[in-house]
Amino acid sequence: MDTSRGQNGIQLLLAAEQEAQQIVNAARNAKLARLKQAKEEAEKEVAEFRTQMEADFQRKLAETSGDSGANVKRLEKETEEKIQHLRTVADRISHDVVDMLLKLVTSVRY
């Protein structure tokens, strides 16, 4: 009886060891599955964040580009108006300036 009892004890130990190994394997597989799920969730959050940041960047870029484009057009218009004003004034007074210069060059002072 001692031998059968010993055999039973060994069988029980082997069964317990197999059960423990199955539990460890199940826990390891569950851990790997959870890590994979966590990685996928993190990648999804990163992608959403990147998409949101890219959209914000593009919106701000469009706002500043729009403003910049409007500012450039406004400045070009103002510059053209000032140039036209200077040409008008120069045309109006150029004859008087030429006369004054000729008078100063041709008059002799002692």
PDB file of N, CA and C in Angstrom:
ATOM      1  N   MET A   1       0.787  -1.185   0.000  1.00  0.00           N
ATOM      2  CA  MET A   1       0.000   0.000   0.000  1.00  0.00           C
ATOM      3  C   MET A   1       0.834   1.257   0.000  1.00  0.00           C
ATOM      4  N   ASP A   2       1.945   1.134   0.589  1.00  0.00           N
ATOM      5  CA  ASP A   2       2.830   2.280   0.632  1.00  0.00           C
ATOM      6  C   ASP A   2       3.257   2.703  -0.780  1.00  0.00           C
ATOM      7  N   THR A   3       3.454   1.732  -1.602  1.00  0.00           N
ATOM      8  CA  THR A   3       3.871   2.026  -2.958  1.00  0.00           C
ATOM      9  C   THR A   3       2.754   2.673  -3.747  1.00  0.00           C
ATOM     10  N   SER A   4       1.555   2.148  -3.594  1.00  0.00           N
ATOM     11  CA  SER A   4       0.446   2.756  -4.329  1.00  0.00           C
ATOM     12  C   SER A   4       0.162   4.156  -3.793  1.00  0.00           C
ATOM     13  N   ARG A   5       0.347   4.311  -2.544  1.00  0.00           N
ATOM     14  CA  ARG A   5       0.146   5.638  -1.943  1.00  0.00           C
ATOM     15  C   ARG A   5       1.212   6.591  -2.462  1.00  0.00           C
ATOM     16  N   GLY A   6       2.425   6.120  -2.586  1.00  0.00           N
ATOM     17  CA  GLY A   6       3.516   6.910  -3.135  1.00  0.00           C
ATOM     18  C   GLY A   6       3.259   7.236  -4.600  1.00  0.00           C
ATOM     19  N   GLN A   7       2.756   6.233  -5.336  1.00  0.00           N
ATOM     20  CA  GLN A   7       2.421   6.435  -6.744  1.00  0.00           C
ATOM     21  C   GLN A   7       1.301   7.464  -6.863  1.00  0.00           C
ATOM     22  N   ASN A   8       0.312   7.343  -5.993  1.00  0.00           N
ATOM     23  CA  ASN A   8      -0.796   8.309  -5.985  1.00  0.00           C
ATOM     24  C   ASN A   8      -0.289   9.706  -5.680  1.00  0.00           C
ATOM     25  N   GLY A   9       0.613   9.806  -4.746  1.00  0.00           N
ATOM     26  CA  GLY A   9       1.201  11.103  -4.378  1.00  0.00           C
ATOM     27  C   GLY A   9       1.969  11.706  -5.543  1.00  0.00           C
ATOM     28  N   ILE A  10       2.719  10.853  -6.250  1.00  0.00           N
ATOM     29  CA  ILE A  10       3.489  11.329  -7.405  1.00  0.00           C
ATOM     30  C   ILE A  10       2.529  11.763  -8.508  1.00  0.00           C
ATOM     31  N   GLN A  11       1.480  10.942  -8.726  1.00  0.00           N
ATOM     32  CA  GLN A  11       0.476  11.290  -9.740  1.00  0.00           C
ATOM     33  C   GLN A  11      -0.188  12.618  -9.401  1.00  0.00           C
ATOM     34  N   LEU A  12      -0.502  12.803  -8.129  1.00  0.00           N
ATOM     35  CA  LEU A  12      -1.112  14.065  -7.695  1.00  0.00           C
ATOM     36  C   LEU A  12      -0.162  15.235  -7.902  1.00  0.00           C
ATOM     37  N   LEU A  13       1.100  15.012  -7.573  1.00  0.00           N
ATOM     38  CA  LEU A  13       2.099  16.069  -7.783  1.00  0.00           C
ATOM     39  C   LEU A  13       2.262  16.395  -9.260  1.00  0.00           C
ATOM     40  N   LEU A  14       2.303  15.399 -10.110  1.00  0.00           N
ATOM     41  CA  LEU A  14       2.409  15.626 -11.553  1.00  0.00           C
ATOM     42  C   LEU A  14       1.183  16.360 -12.085  1.00  0.00           C
ATOM     43  N   ALA A  15       0.024  15.952 -11.612  1.00  0.00           N
ATOM     44  CA  ALA A  15      -1.218  16.612 -12.039  1.00  0.00           C
ATOM     45  C   ALA A  15      -1.222  18.067 -11.566  1.00  0.00           C
ATOM     46  N   ALA A  16      -0.782  18.275 -10.326  1.00  0.00           N
ATOM     47  CA  ALA A  16      -0.732  19.642  -9.794  1.00  0.00           C
ATOM     48  C   ALA A  16       0.277  20.482 -10.576  1.00  0.00           C
ATOM     49  N   GLU A  17       1.404  19.871 -10.935  1.00  0.00           N
ATOM     50  CA  GLU A  17       2.421  20.584 -11.703  1.00  0.00           C
ATOM     51  C   GLU A  17       1.887  20.955 -13.088  1.00  0.00           C
ATOM     52  N   GLN A  18       1.184  20.023 -13.720  1.00  0.00           N
ATOM     53  CA  GLN A  18       0.599  20.321 -15.031  1.00  0.00           C
ATOM     54  C   GLN A  18      -0.451  21.424 -14.927  1.00  0.00           C
ATOM     55  N   GLU A  19      -1.254  21.349 -13.898  1.00  0.00           N
ATOM     56  CA  GLU A  19      -2.277  22.376 -13.690  1.00  0.00           C
ATOM     57  C   GLU A  19      -1.623  23.739 -13.449  1.00  0.00           C
ATOM     58  N   ALA A  20      -0.564  23.744 -12.635  1.00  0.00           N
ATOM     59  CA  ALA A  20       0.159  24.993 -12.372  1.00  0.00           C
ATOM     60  C   ALA A  20       0.768  25.531 -13.660  1.00  0.00           C
ATOM     61  N   GLN A  21       1.327  24.628 -14.472  1.00  0.00           N
ATOM     62  CA  GLN A  21       1.912  25.045 -15.742  1.00  0.00           C
ATOM     63  C   GLN A  21       0.839  25.637 -16.661  1.00  0.00           C
ATOM     64  N   GLN A  22      -0.341  25.038 -16.688  1.00  0.00           N
ATOM     65  CA  GLN A  22      -1.441  25.572 -17.485  1.00  0.00           C
ATOM     66  C   GLN A  22      -1.868  26.946 -16.979  1.00  0.00           C
ATOM     67  N   ILE A  23      -1.914  27.104 -15.668  1.00  0.00           N
ATOM     68  CA  ILE A  23      -2.285  28.400 -15.084  1.00  0.00           C
ATOM     69  C   ILE A  23      -1.247  29.453 -15.440  1.00  0.00           C
ATOM     70  N   VAL A  24       0.036  29.093 -15.335  1.00  0.00           N
ATOM     71  CA  VAL A  24       1.114  30.022 -15.685  1.00  0.00           C
ATOM     72  C   VAL A  24       1.035  30.386 -17.165  1.00  0.00           C
ATOM     73  N   ASN A  25       0.835  29.382 -18.012  1.00  0.00           N
ATOM     74  CA  ASN A  25       0.716  29.649 -19.454  1.00  0.00           C
ATOM     75  C   ASN A  25      -0.483  30.539 -19.762  1.00  0.00           C
ATOM     76  N   ALA A  26      -1.598  30.266 -19.111  1.00  0.00           N
ATOM     77  CA  ALA A  26      -2.791  31.092 -19.324  1.00  0.00           C
ATOM     78  C   ALA A  26      -2.534  32.522 -18.875  1.00  0.00           C
ATOM     79  N   ALA A  27      -1.865  32.683 -17.733  1.00  0.00           N
ATOM     80  CA  ALA A  27      -1.545  34.025 -17.237  1.00  0.00           C
ATOM     81  C   ALA A  27      -0.584  34.731 -18.191  1.00  0.00           C
ATOM     82  N   ARG A  28       0.419  34.002 -18.678  1.00  0.00           N
ATOM     83  CA  ARG A  28       1.387  34.573 -19.625  1.00  0.00           C
ATOM     84  C   ARG A  28       0.674  35.004 -20.908  1.00  0.00           C
ATOM     85  N   ASN A  29      -0.214  34.150 -21.413  1.00  0.00           N
ATOM     86  CA  ASN A  29      -0.960  34.486 -22.632  1.00  0.00           C
ATOM     87  C   ASN A  29      -1.879  35.683 -22.406  1.00  0.00           C
ATOM     88  N   ALA A  30      -2.506  35.730 -21.223  1.00  0.00           N
ATOM     89  CA  ALA A  30      -3.375  36.864 -20.909  1.00  0.00           C
ATOM     90  C   ALA A  30      -2.558  38.148 -20.819  1.00  0.00           C
ATOM     91  N   LYS A  31      -1.369  38.047 -20.224  1.00  0.00           N
ATOM     92  CA  LYS A  31      -0.491  39.217 -20.110  1.00  0.00           C
ATOM     93  C   LYS A  31      -0.070  39.697 -21.493  1.00  0.00           C
ATOM     94  N   LEU A  32       0.341  38.767 -22.357  1.00  0.00           N
ATOM     95  CA  LEU A  32       0.743  39.131 -23.718  1.00  0.00           C
ATOM     96  C   LEU A  32      -0.420  39.764 -24.492  1.00  0.00           C
ATOM     97  N   ALA A  33      -1.610  39.195 -24.314  1.00  0.00           N
ATOM     98  CA  ALA A  33      -2.792  39.745 -24.988  1.00  0.00           C
ATOM     99  C   ALA A  33      -3.080  41.153 -24.485  1.00  0.00           C
ATOM    100  N   ARG A  34      -2.960  41.353 -23.167  1.00  0.00           N
ATOM    101  CA  ARG A  34      -3.215  42.686 -22.595  1.00  0.00           C
ATOM    102  C   ARG A  34      -2.160  43.689 -23.060  1.00  0.00           C
ATOM    103  N   LEU A  35      -0.895  43.244 -23.116  1.00  0.00           N
ATOM    104  CA  LEU A  35       0.160  44.132 -23.616  1.00  0.00           C
ATOM    105  C   LEU A  35      -0.089  44.520 -25.073  1.00  0.00           C
ATOM    106  N   LYS A  36      -0.513  43.527 -25.873  1.00  0.00           N
ATOM    107  CA  LYS A  36      -0.812  43.811 -27.279  1.00  0.00           C
ATOM    108  C   LYS A  36      -1.976  44.790 -27.386  1.00  0.00           C
ATOM    109  N   GLN A  37      -3.011  44.586 -26.561  1.00  0.00           N
ATOM    110  CA  GLN A  37      -4.169  45.466 -26.566  1.00  0.00           C
ATOM    111  C   GLN A  37      -3.758  46.873 -26.124  1.00  0.00           C
ATOM    112  N   ALA A  38      -2.925  46.959 -25.077  1.00  0.00           N
ATOM    113  CA  ALA A  38      -2.477  48.264 -24.588  1.00  0.00           C
ATOM    114  C   ALA A  38      -1.661  48.985 -25.663  1.00  0.00           C
ATOM    115  N   LYS A  39      -0.813  48.242 -26.367  1.00  0.00           N
ATOM    116  CA  LYS A  39      -0.013  48.830 -27.439  1.00  0.00           C
ATOM    117  C   LYS A  39      -0.914  49.353 -28.554  1.00  0.00           C
ATOM    118  N   GLU A  40      -1.916  48.574 -28.945  1.00  0.00           N
ATOM    119  CA  GLU A  40      -2.839  49.002 -29.990  1.00  0.00           C
ATOM    120  C   GLU A  40      -3.613  50.247 -29.558  1.00  0.00           C
ATOM    121  N   GLU A  41      -4.051  50.267 -28.287  1.00  0.00           N
ATOM    122  CA  GLU A  41      -4.772  51.429 -27.777  1.00  0.00           C
ATOM    123  C   GLU A  41      -3.869  52.661 -27.769  1.00  0.00           C
ATOM    124  N   ALA A  42      -2.624  52.479 -27.348  1.00  0.00           N
ATOM    125  CA  ALA A  42      -1.683  53.596 -27.324  1.00  0.00           C
ATOM    126  C   ALA A  42      -1.414  54.104 -28.738  1.00  0.00           C
ATOM    127  N   GLU A  43      -1.231  53.198 -29.685  1.00  0.00           N
ATOM    128  CA  GLU A  43      -1.005  53.599 -31.078  1.00  0.00           C
ATOM    129  C   GLU A  43      -2.220  54.346 -31.624  1.00  0.00           C
ATOM    130  N   LYS A  44      -3.406  53.891 -31.259  1.00  0.00           N
ATOM    131  CA  LYS A  44      -4.633  54.560 -31.701  1.00  0.00           C
ATOM    132  C   LYS A  44      -4.709  55.967 -31.116  1.00  0.00           C
ATOM    133  N   GLU A  45      -4.390  56.096 -29.812  1.00  0.00           N
ATOM    134  CA  GLU A  45      -4.411  57.415 -29.181  1.00  0.00           C
ATOM    135  C   GLU A  45      -3.371  58.338 -29.800  1.00  0.00           C
ATOM    136  N   VAL A  46      -2.194  57.803 -30.085  1.00  0.00           N
ATOM    137  CA  VAL A  46      -1.141  58.605 -30.718  1.00  0.00           C
ATOM    138  C   VAL A  46      -1.600  59.064 -32.095  1.00  0.00           C
ATOM    139  N   ALA A  47      -2.208  58.166 -32.848  1.00  0.00           N
ATOM    140  CA  ALA A  47      -2.692  58.522 -34.187  1.00  0.00           C
ATOM    141  C   ALA A  47      -3.775  59.601 -34.107  1.00  0.00           C
ATOM    142  N   GLU A  48      -4.694  59.461 -33.141  1.00  0.00           N
ATOM    143  CA  GLU A  48      -5.743  60.472 -32.970  1.00  0.00           C
ATOM    144  C   GLU A  48      -5.138  61.815 -32.572  1.00  0.00           C
ATOM    145  N   PHE A  49      -4.184  61.780 -31.645  1.00  0.00           N
ATOM    146  CA  PHE A  49      -3.531  63.006 -31.202  1.00  0.00           C
ATOM    147  C   PHE A  49      -2.786  63.660 -32.354  1.00  0.00           C
ATOM    148  N   ARG A  50      -2.055  62.828 -33.129  1.00  0.00           N
ATOM    149  CA  ARG A  50      -1.308  63.361 -34.270  1.00  0.00           C
ATOM    150  C   ARG A  50      -2.265  63.984 -35.292  1.00  0.00           C
ATOM    151  N   THR A  51      -3.386  63.309 -35.535  1.00  0.00           N
ATOM    152  CA  THR A  51      -4.376  63.837 -36.474  1.00  0.00           C
ATOM    153  C   THR A  51      -4.927  65.170 -35.979  1.00  0.00           C
ATOM    154  N   GLN A  52      -5.234  65.235 -34.694  1.00  0.00           N
ATOM    155  CA  GLN A  52      -5.758  66.472 -34.111  1.00  0.00           C
ATOM    156  C   GLN A  52      -4.720  67.596 -34.195  1.00  0.00           C
ATOM    157  N   MET A  53      -3.472  67.300 -33.845  1.00  0.00           N
ATOM    158  CA  MET A  53      -2.414  68.313 -33.898  1.00  0.00           C
ATOM    159  C   MET A  53      -2.172  68.764 -35.337  1.00  0.00           C
ATOM    160  N   GLU A  54      -2.203  67.832 -36.264  1.00  0.00           N
ATOM    161  CA  GLU A  54      -2.010  68.176 -37.673  1.00  0.00           C
ATOM    162  C   GLU A  54      -3.147  69.075 -38.163  1.00  0.00           C
ATOM    163  N   ALA A  55      -4.378  68.746 -37.753  1.00  0.00           N
ATOM    164  CA  ALA A  55      -5.524  69.577 -38.139  1.00  0.00           C
ATOM    165  C   ALA A  55      -5.393  70.976 -37.547  1.00  0.00           C
ATOM    166  N   ASP A  56      -4.996  71.057 -36.272  1.00  0.00           N
ATOM    167  CA  ASP A  56      -4.794  72.370 -35.643  1.00  0.00           C
ATOM    168  C   ASP A  56      -3.701  73.148 -36.361  1.00  0.00           C
ATOM    169  N   PHE A  57      -2.610  72.459 -36.691  1.00  0.00           N
ATOM    170  CA  PHE A  57      -1.506  73.106 -37.390  1.00  0.00           C
ATOM    171  C   PHE A  57      -1.956  73.628 -38.759  1.00  0.00           C
ATOM    172  N   GLN A  58      -2.671  72.787 -39.501  1.00  0.00           N
ATOM    173  CA  GLN A  58      -3.136  73.198 -40.825  1.00  0.00           C
ATOM    174  C   GLN A  58      -4.108  74.376 -40.723  1.00  0.00           C
ATOM    175  N   ARG A  59      -4.980  74.344 -39.680  1.00  0.00           N
ATOM    176  CA  ARG A  59      -5.929  75.448 -39.495  1.00  0.00           C
ATOM    177  C   ARG A  59      -5.178  76.743 -39.191  1.00  0.00           C
ATOM    178  N   LYS A  60      -4.204  76.665 -38.285  1.00  0.00           N
ATOM    179  CA  LYS A  60      -3.423  77.862 -37.948  1.00  0.00           C
ATOM    180  C   LYS A  60      -2.601  78.331 -39.136  1.00  0.00           C
ATOM    181  N   LEU A  61      -2.064  77.380 -39.876  1.00  0.00           N
ATOM    182  CA  LEU A  61      -1.295  77.739 -41.062  1.00  0.00           C
ATOM    183  C   LEU A  61      -2.187  78.441 -42.079  1.00  0.00           C
ATOM    184  N   ALA A  62      -3.403  77.937 -42.249  1.00  0.00           N
ATOM    185  CA  ALA A  62      -4.341  78.561 -43.184  1.00  0.00           C
ATOM    186  C   ALA A  62      -4.727  79.961 -42.702  1.00  0.00           C
ATOM    187  N   GLU A  63      -4.929  80.094 -41.383  1.00  0.00           N
ATOM    188  CA  GLU A  63      -5.279  81.410 -40.840  1.00  0.00           C
ATOM    189  C   GLU A  63      -4.155  82.402 -41.064  1.00  0.00           C
ATOM    190  N   THR A  64      -2.933  81.997 -40.739  1.00  0.00           N
ATOM    191  CA  THR A  64      -1.817  82.929 -40.889  1.00  0.00           C
ATOM    192  C   THR A  64      -1.498  83.170 -42.351  1.00  0.00           C
ATOM    193  N   SER A  65      -1.647  82.137 -43.172  1.00  0.00           N
ATOM    194  CA  SER A  65      -1.394  82.326 -44.597  1.00  0.00           C
ATOM    195  C   SER A  65      -2.440  83.252 -45.192  1.00  0.00           C
ATOM    196  N   GLY A  66      -3.670  83.074 -44.768  1.00  0.00           N
ATOM    197  CA  GLY A  66      -4.737  83.954 -45.253  1.00  0.00           C
ATOM    198  C   GLY A  66      -4.478  85.390 -44.837  1.00  0.00           C
ATOM    199  N   ASP A  67      -4.135  85.568 -43.585  1.00  0.00           N
ATOM    200  CA  ASP A  67      -3.821  86.907 -43.095  1.00  0.00           C
ATOM    201  C   ASP A  67      -2.592  87.447 -43.805  1.00  0.00           C
ATOM    202  N   SER A  68      -1.605  86.616 -43.947  1.00  0.00           N
ATOM    203  CA  SER A  68      -0.365  87.032 -44.583  1.00  0.00           C
ATOM    204  C   SER A  68      -0.629  87.421 -46.037  1.00  0.00           C
ATOM    205  N   GLY A  69      -1.412  86.608 -46.709  1.00  0.00           N
ATOM    206  CA  GLY A  69      -1.753  86.918 -48.092  1.00  0.00           C
ATOM    207  C   GLY A  69      -2.531  88.212 -48.192  1.00  0.00           C
ATOM    208  N   ALA A  70      -3.455  88.411 -47.270  1.00  0.00           N
ATOM    209  CA  ALA A  70      -4.229  89.656 -47.262  1.00  0.00           C
ATOM    210  C   ALA A  70      -3.320  90.833 -46.946  1.00  0.00           C
ATOM    211  N   ASN A  71      -2.402  90.625 -46.004  1.00  0.00           N
ATOM    212  CA  ASN A  71      -1.466  91.699 -45.661  1.00  0.00           C
ATOM    213  C   ASN A  71      -0.561  92.039 -46.836  1.00  0.00           C
ATOM    214  N   VAL A  72      -0.093  91.025 -47.527  1.00  0.00           N
ATOM    215  CA  VAL A  72       0.768  91.260 -48.685  1.00  0.00           C
ATOM    216  C   VAL A  72       0.007  92.046 -49.752  1.00  0.00           C
ATOM    217  N   LYS A  73      -1.213  91.632 -50.016  1.00  0.00           N
ATOM    218  CA  LYS A  73      -2.011  92.338 -51.024  1.00  0.00           C
ATOM    219  C   LYS A  73      -2.277  93.781 -50.608  1.00  0.00           C
ATOM    220  N   ARG A  74      -2.591  93.968 -49.320  1.00  0.00           N
ATOM    221  CA  ARG A  74      -2.843  95.316 -48.821  1.00  0.00           C
ATOM    222  C   ARG A  74      -1.594  96.175 -48.937  1.00  0.00           C
ATOM    223  N   LEU A  75      -0.441  95.603 -48.547  1.00  0.00           N
ATOM    224  CA  LEU A  75       0.817  96.352 -48.631  1.00  0.00           C
ATOM    225  C   LEU A  75       1.192  96.655 -50.079  1.00  0.00           C
ATOM    226  N   GLU A  76       0.960  95.712 -50.976  1.00  0.00           N
ATOM    227  CA  GLU A  76       1.237  95.963 -52.393  1.00  0.00           C
ATOM    228  C   GLU A  76       0.370  97.098 -52.923  1.00  0.00           C
ATOM    229  N   LYS A  77      -0.888  97.097 -52.528  1.00  0.00           N
ATOM    230  CA  LYS A  77      -1.805  98.157 -52.971  1.00  0.00           C
ATOM    231  C   LYS A  77      -1.368  99.505 -52.415  1.00  0.00           C
ATOM    232  N   GLU A  78      -1.033  99.544 -51.109  1.00  0.00           N
ATOM    233  CA  GLU A  78      -0.587 100.796 -50.503  1.00  0.00           C
ATOM    234  C   GLU A  78       0.693 101.303 -51.156  1.00  0.00           C
ATOM    235  N   THR A  79       1.618 100.369 -51.421  1.00  0.00           N
ATOM    236  CA  THR A  79       2.882 100.756 -52.062  1.00  0.00           C
ATOM    237  C   THR A  79       2.636 101.317 -53.452  1.00  0.00           C
ATOM    238  N   GLU A  80       1.789 100.657 -54.198  1.00  0.00           N
ATOM    239  CA  GLU A  80       1.474 101.134 -55.547  1.00  0.00           C
ATOM    240  C   GLU A  80       0.827 102.516 -55.502  1.00  0.00           C
ATOM    241  N   GLU A  81      -0.068 102.742 -54.538  1.00  0.00           N
ATOM    242  CA  GLU A  81      -0.706 104.059 -54.390  1.00  0.00           C
ATOM    243  C   GLU A  81       0.330 105.127 -54.052  1.00  0.00           C
ATOM    244  N   LYS A  82       1.275 104.804 -53.157  1.00  0.00           N
ATOM    245  CA  LYS A  82       2.309 105.778 -52.786  1.00  0.00           C
ATOM    246  C   LYS A  82       3.220 106.078 -53.968  1.00  0.00           C
ATOM    247  N   ILE A  83       3.575 105.027 -54.721  1.00  0.00           N
ATOM    248  CA  ILE A  83       4.414 105.243 -55.906  1.00  0.00           C
ATOM    249  C   ILE A  83       3.691 106.139 -56.902  1.00  0.00           C
ATOM    250  N   GLN A  84       2.424 105.885 -57.122  1.00  0.00           N
ATOM    251  CA  GLN A  84       1.640 106.695 -58.061  1.00  0.00           C
ATOM    252  C   GLN A  84       1.551 108.141 -57.570  1.00  0.00           C
ATOM    253  N   HIS A  85       1.372 108.326 -56.273  1.00  0.00           N
ATOM    254  CA  HIS A  85       1.311 109.683 -55.699  1.00  0.00           C
ATOM    255  C   HIS A  85       2.645 110.403 -55.916  1.00  0.00           C
ATOM    256  N   LEU A  86       3.775 109.699 -55.658  1.00  0.00           N
ATOM    257  CA  LEU A  86       5.089 110.316 -55.859  1.00  0.00           C
ATOM    258  C   LEU A  86       5.314 110.669 -57.326  1.00  0.00           C
ATOM    259  N   ARG A  87       4.869 109.829 -58.236  1.00  0.00           N
ATOM    260  CA  ARG A  87       5.013 110.134 -59.671  1.00  0.00           C
ATOM    261  C   ARG A  87       4.197 111.366 -60.047  1.00  0.00           C
ATOM    262  N   THR A  88       3.001 111.457 -59.512  1.00  0.00           N
ATOM    263  CA  THR A  88       2.144 112.612 -59.799  1.00  0.00           C
ATOM    264  C   THR A  88       2.796 113.891 -59.291  1.00  0.00           C
ATOM    265  N   VAL A  89       3.291 113.860 -58.062  1.00  0.00           N
ATOM    266  CA  VAL A  89       3.947 115.038 -57.484  1.00  0.00           C
ATOM    267  C   VAL A  89       5.206 115.379 -58.279  1.00  0.00           C
ATOM    268  N   ALA A  90       5.993 114.343 -58.627  1.00  0.00           N
ATOM    269  CA  ALA A  90       7.221 114.589 -59.394  1.00  0.00           C
ATOM    270  C   ALA A  90       6.890 115.193 -60.753  1.00  0.00           C
ATOM    271  N   ASP A  91       5.866 114.701 -61.424  1.00  0.00           N
ATOM    272  CA  ASP A  91       5.467 115.265 -62.717  1.00  0.00           C
ATOM    273  C   ASP A  91       5.043 116.723 -62.568  1.00  0.00           C
ATOM    274  N   ARG A  92       4.353 117.005 -61.486  1.00  0.00           N
ATOM    275  CA  ARG A  92       3.840 118.361 -61.270  1.00  0.00           C
ATOM    276  C   ARG A  92       4.976 119.346 -60.979  1.00  0.00           C
ATOM    277  N   ILE A  93       5.996 118.939 -60.212  1.00  0.00           N
ATOM    278  CA  ILE A  93       7.021 119.906 -59.817  1.00  0.00           C
ATOM    279  C   ILE A  93       8.319 119.774 -60.595  1.00  0.00           C
ATOM    280  N   SER A  94       8.417 118.770 -61.479  1.00  0.00           N
ATOM    281  CA  SER A  94       9.680 118.561 -62.191  1.00  0.00           C
ATOM    282  C   SER A  94      10.048 119.780 -63.054  1.00  0.00           C
ATOM    283  N   HIS A  95       9.098 120.408 -63.680  1.00  0.00           N
ATOM    284  CA  HIS A  95       9.377 121.581 -64.512  1.00  0.00           C
ATOM    285  C   HIS A  95       9.948 122.710 -63.646  1.00  0.00           C
ATOM    286  N   ASP A  96       9.358 122.940 -62.469  1.00  0.00           N
ATOM    287  CA  ASP A  96       9.849 123.981 -61.568  1.00  0.00           C
ATOM    288  C   ASP A  96      11.258 123.647 -61.067  1.00  0.00           C
ATOM    289  N   VAL A  97      11.530 122.398 -60.776  1.00  0.00           N
ATOM    290  CA  VAL A  97      12.859 121.998 -60.300  1.00  0.00           C
ATOM    291  C   VAL A  97      13.900 122.200 -61.398  1.00  0.00           C
ATOM    292  N   VAL A  98      13.555 121.831 -62.628  1.00  0.00           N
ATOM    293  CA  VAL A  98      14.471 122.012 -63.745  1.00  0.00           C
ATOM    294  C   VAL A  98      14.752 123.491 -63.948  1.00  0.00           C
ATOM    295  N   ASP A  99      13.740 124.343 -63.914  1.00  0.00           N
ATOM    296  CA  ASP A  99      13.925 125.786 -64.057  1.00  0.00           C
ATOM    297  C   ASP A  99      14.820 126.331 -62.949  1.00  0.00           C
ATOM    298  N   MET A 100      14.596 125.910 -61.731  1.00  0.00           N
ATOM    299  CA  MET A 100      15.394 126.386 -60.603  1.00  0.00           C
ATOM    300  C   MET A 100      16.855 125.955 -60.762  1.00  0.00           C
ATOM    301  N   LEU A 101      17.083 124.716 -61.165  1.00  0.00           N
ATOM    302  CA  LEU A 101      18.446 124.240 -61.367  1.00  0.00           C
ATOM    303  C   LEU A 101      19.146 125.001 -62.502  1.00  0.00           C
ATOM    304  N   LEU A 102      18.434 125.219 -63.596  1.00  0.00           N
ATOM    305  CA  LEU A 102      19.024 125.970 -64.708  1.00  0.00           C
ATOM    306  C   LEU A 102      19.360 127.397 -64.291  1.00  0.00           C
ATOM    307  N   LYS A 103      18.491 128.008 -63.534  1.00  0.00           N
ATOM    308  CA  LYS A 103      18.717 129.360 -63.066  1.00  0.00           C
ATOM    309  C   LYS A 103      19.960 129.422 -62.163  1.00  0.00           C
ATOM    310  N   LEU A 104      20.104 128.459 -61.272  1.00  0.00           N
ATOM    311  CA  LEU A 104      21.256 128.434 -60.360  1.00  0.00           C
ATOM    312  C   LEU A 104      22.551 128.133 -61.108  1.00  0.00           C
ATOM    313  N   VAL A 105      22.500 127.295 -62.100  1.00  0.00           N
ATOM    314  CA  VAL A 105      23.699 126.930 -62.841  1.00  0.00           C
ATOM    315  C   VAL A 105      24.129 128.063 -63.749  1.00  0.00           C
ATOM    316  N   THR A 106      23.201 128.766 -64.306  1.00  0.00           N
ATOM    317  CA  THR A 106      23.549 129.811 -65.274  1.00  0.00           C
ATOM    318  C   THR A 106      23.806 131.155 -64.630  1.00  0.00           C
ATOM    319  N   SER A 107      23.441 131.327 -63.395  1.00  0.00           N
ATOM    320  CA  SER A 107      23.712 132.629 -62.763  1.00  0.00           C
ATOM    321  C   SER A 107      25.086 132.586 -62.105  1.00  0.00           C
ATOM    322  N   VAL A 108      25.781 133.701 -62.208  1.00  0.00           N
ATOM    323  CA  VAL A 108      27.137 133.806 -61.681  1.00  0.00           C
ATOM    324  C   VAL A 108      27.096 134.724 -60.458  1.00  0.00           C
ATOM    325  N   ARG A 109      27.754 134.294 -59.410  1.00  0.00           N
ATOM    326  CA  ARG A 109      27.835 135.119 -58.210  1.00  0.00           C
ATOM    327  C   ARG A 109      29.292 135.431 -57.943  1.00  0.00           C
ATOM    328  N   TYR A 110      29.527 136.581 -57.444  1.00  0.00           N
ATOM    329  CA  TYR A 110      30.898 136.988 -57.117  1.00  0.00           C
ATOM    330  C   TYR A 110      31.091 137.042 -55.650  1.00  0.00           C
TER     331      TYR A 110
END
